[in-house]
C-alpha atoms as a PDB file:
ATOM      1  CA  UNK A   1      98.292 116.932 130.578  1.00  0.00           C
ATOM      2  CA  UNK A   2      95.721 119.405 129.352  1.00  0.00           C
ATOM      3  CA  UNK A   3      94.611 119.514 125.716  1.00  0.00           C
ATOM      4  CA  UNK A   4      92.854 122.377 123.904  1.00  0.00           C
ATOM      5  CA  UNK A   5      89.167 121.951 123.200  1.00  0.00           C
ATOM      6  CA  UNK A   6      86.464 124.356 122.064  1.00  0.00           C
ATOM      7  CA  UNK A   7      83.371 124.873 124.206  1.00  0.00           C
ATOM      8  CA  UNK A   8      80.745 125.206 121.457  1.00  0.00           C
ATOM      9  CA  UNK A   9      77.989 126.414 123.795  1.00  0.00           C
ATOM     10  CA  UNK A  10      79.973 129.339 125.225  1.00  0.00           C
ATOM     11  CA  UNK A  11      82.218 129.737 122.141  1.00  0.00           C
ATOM     12  CA  UNK A  12      85.487 129.816 124.080  1.00  0.00           C
ATOM     13  CA  UNK A  13      88.671 127.813 124.283  1.00  0.00           C
ATOM     14  CA  UNK A  14      89.095 125.342 127.128  1.00  0.00           C
ATOM     15  CA  UNK A  15      91.897 123.069 128.269  1.00  0.00           C
ATOM     16  CA  UNK A  16      90.688 119.615 129.332  1.00  0.00           C
ATOM     17  CA  UNK A  17      92.243 116.460 130.707  1.00  0.00           C
ATOM     18  CA  UNK A  18      91.599 113.273 128.707  1.00  0.00           C
ATOM     19  CA  UNK A  19      91.727 111.039 131.796  1.00  0.00           C
ATOM     20  CA  UNK A  20      89.552 112.904 134.278  1.00  0.00           C
ATOM     21  CA  UNK A  21      86.875 115.599 134.123  1.00  0.00           C
ATOM     22  CA  UNK A  22      89.229 118.494 134.939  1.00  0.00           C
ATOM     23  CA  UNK A  23      88.951 121.517 132.636  1.00  0.00           C
ATOM     24  CA  UNK A  24      89.916 125.168 132.780  1.00  0.00           C
ATOM     25  CA  UNK A  25      89.406 128.206 130.597  1.00  0.00           C
ATOM     26  CA  UNK A  26      92.239 129.440 128.413  1.00  0.00           C
ATOM     27  CA  UNK A  27      93.643 132.922 129.006  1.00  0.00           C
ATOM     28  CA  UNK A  28      94.248 133.471 125.289  1.00  0.00           C
ATOM     29  CA  UNK A  29      92.583 132.071 122.202  1.00  0.00           C
ATOM     30  CA  UNK A  30      95.940 131.178 120.642  1.00  0.00           C
ATOM     31  CA  UNK A  31      96.773 127.467 120.906  1.00  0.00           C
ATOM     32  CA  UNK A  32      99.985 127.411 118.862  1.00  0.00           C
ATOM     33  CA  UNK A  33     102.185 130.128 117.406  1.00  0.00           C
ATOM     34  CA  UNK A  34     104.840 129.385 114.786  1.00  0.00           C
ATOM     35  CA  UNK A  35     107.445 132.138 114.412  1.00  0.00           C
ATOM     36  CA  UNK A  36     109.565 131.951 111.284  1.00  0.00           C
ATOM     37  CA  UNK A  37     112.841 133.810 111.418  1.00  0.00           C
ATOM     38  CA  UNK A  38     114.505 134.418 108.092  1.00  0.00           C
ATOM     39  CA  UNK A  39     118.281 134.607 108.139  1.00  0.00           C
ATOM     40  CA  UNK A  40     120.442 134.383 105.089  1.00  0.00           C
ATOM     41  CA  UNK A  41     122.923 131.551 104.820  1.00  0.00           C
ATOM     42  CA  UNK A  42     125.791 134.032 104.948  1.00  0.00           C
ATOM     43  CA  UNK A  43     124.657 135.560 108.242  1.00  0.00           C
ATOM     44  CA  UNK A  44     123.600 132.279 109.831  1.00  0.00           C
ATOM     45  CA  UNK A  45     126.837 130.481 108.946  1.00  0.00           C
ATOM     46  CA  UNK A  46     129.149 133.411 109.596  1.00  0.00           C
ATOM     47  CA  UNK A  47     132.252 133.236 111.722  1.00  0.00           C
ATOM     48  CA  UNK A  48     135.674 131.671 111.657  1.00  0.00           C
ATOM     49  CA  UNK A  49     134.260 128.151 111.003  1.00  0.00           C
ATOM     50  CA  UNK A  50     132.916 129.126 107.594  1.00  0.00           C
ATOM     51  CA  UNK A  51     135.987 127.870 105.656  1.00  0.00           C
ATOM     52  CA  UNK A  52     135.672 124.487 107.417  1.00  0.00           C
ATOM     53  CA  UNK A  53     132.059 124.028 106.282  1.00  0.00           C
ATOM     54  CA  UNK A  54     132.081 121.364 103.511  1.00  0.00           C
ATOM     55  CA  UNK A  55     128.762 122.595 102.057  1.00  0.00           C
ATOM     56  CA  UNK A  56     130.337 125.809 100.744  1.00  0.00           C
ATOM     57  CA  UNK A  57     132.227 125.636  97.431  1.00  0.00           C
ATOM     58  CA  UNK A  58     135.883 126.641  97.280  1.00  0.00           C
ATOM     59  CA  UNK A  59     137.555 128.770  94.660  1.00  0.00           C
ATOM     60  CA  UNK A  60     141.127 129.893  93.983  1.00  0.00           C
ATOM     61  CA  UNK A  61     140.563 133.515  95.002  1.00  0.00           C
ATOM     62  CA  UNK A  62     143.191 135.747  96.597  1.00  0.00           C
ATOM     63  CA  UNK A  63     142.291 137.256  99.968  1.00  0.00           C
ATOM     64  CA  UNK A  64     142.695 141.054  99.891  1.00  0.00           C
ATOM     65  CA  UNK A  65     143.909 141.042 103.513  1.00  0.00           C
ATOM     66  CA  UNK A  66     146.440 138.184 103.806  1.00  0.00           C
ATOM     67  CA  UNK A  67     146.852 137.195 100.100  1.00  0.00           C
ATOM     68  CA  UNK A  68     145.947 133.550 100.804  1.00  0.00           C
ATOM     69  CA  UNK A  69     145.074 131.805  97.522  1.00  0.00           C
ATOM     70  CA  UNK A  70     141.836 129.977  98.486  1.00  0.00           C
ATOM     71  CA  UNK A  71     138.399 131.160  99.601  1.00  0.00           C
ATOM     72  CA  UNK A  72     134.926 129.702 100.111  1.00  0.00           C
ATOM     73  CA  UNK A  73     132.010 131.537  98.542  1.00  0.00           C
ATOM     74  CA  UNK A  74     128.240 131.703  98.449  1.00  0.00           C
ATOM     75  CA  UNK A  75     125.685 133.700  96.493  1.00  0.00           C
ATOM     76  CA  UNK A  76     123.197 136.192  97.841  1.00  0.00           C
ATOM     77  CA  UNK A  77     119.733 134.739  98.207  1.00  0.00           C
ATOM     78  CA  UNK A  78     117.723 137.859  97.541  1.00  0.00           C
ATOM     79  CA  UNK A  79     114.368 137.149  95.920  1.00  0.00           C
ATOM     80  CA  UNK A  80     114.026 140.727  94.789  1.00  0.00           C
ATOM     81  CA  UNK A  81     113.901 140.958  90.991  1.00  0.00           C
ATOM     82  CA  UNK A  82     115.948 144.142  90.937  1.00  0.00           C
ATOM     83  CA  UNK A  83     118.764 142.695  93.059  1.00  0.00           C
ATOM     84  CA  UNK A  84     121.980 141.753  91.299  1.00  0.00           C
ATOM     85  CA  UNK A  85     123.795 138.566  92.157  1.00  0.00           C
ATOM     86  CA  UNK A  86     126.345 139.170  94.893  1.00  0.00           C
ATOM     87  CA  UNK A  87     129.107 136.742  95.921  1.00  0.00           C
ATOM     88  CA  UNK A  88     130.214 136.474  99.542  1.00  0.00           C
ATOM     89  CA  UNK A  89     133.791 135.235 100.053  1.00  0.00           C
ATOM     90  CA  UNK A  90     135.573 134.055 103.184  1.00  0.00           C
ATOM     91  CA  UNK A  91     139.328 133.440 103.381  1.00  0.00           C
ATOM     92  CA  UNK A  92     140.361 129.824 104.043  1.00  0.00           C
ATOM     93  CA  UNK A  93     143.442 130.869 106.015  1.00  0.00           C
ATOM     94  CA  UNK A  94     142.627 129.847 109.631  1.00  0.00           C
ATOM     95  CA  UNK A  95     144.578 132.827 110.996  1.00  0.00           C
ATOM     96  CA  UNK A  96     142.757 135.354 108.787  1.00  0.00           C
ATOM     97  CA  UNK A  97     139.041 134.563 108.296  1.00  0.00           C
ATOM     98  CA  UNK A  98     138.543 137.822 106.348  1.00  0.00           C
ATOM     99  CA  UNK A  99     135.161 138.170 104.584  1.00  0.00           C
ATOM    100  CA  UNK A 100     134.400 140.319 101.538  1.00  0.00           C
ATOM    101  CA  UNK A 101     131.867 140.633  98.727  1.00  0.00           C
ATOM    102  CA  UNK A 102     131.982 141.098  94.961  1.00  0.00           C
END
């Protein structure tokens, strides 16, 4: 296995083996790249399984599509100061799964 190491004399990145003398130059100077993808809870947890998720609170709210009396909800997670709080609802009827906002 090759590990990153800096060649101080030539000021370049090398990959070296810790058990033998093998080394090779790196094609790029990047050793590790961490990509953070930001997805809201509503988008990431969307779908028909949302009403079965025990982490979402339930509320007696009538579905506008099937008139079922229970829905799970979550709040928008916008960090913008000007954004108003928005509630995202999902019908608990397994045959419906309708989603709406207020």
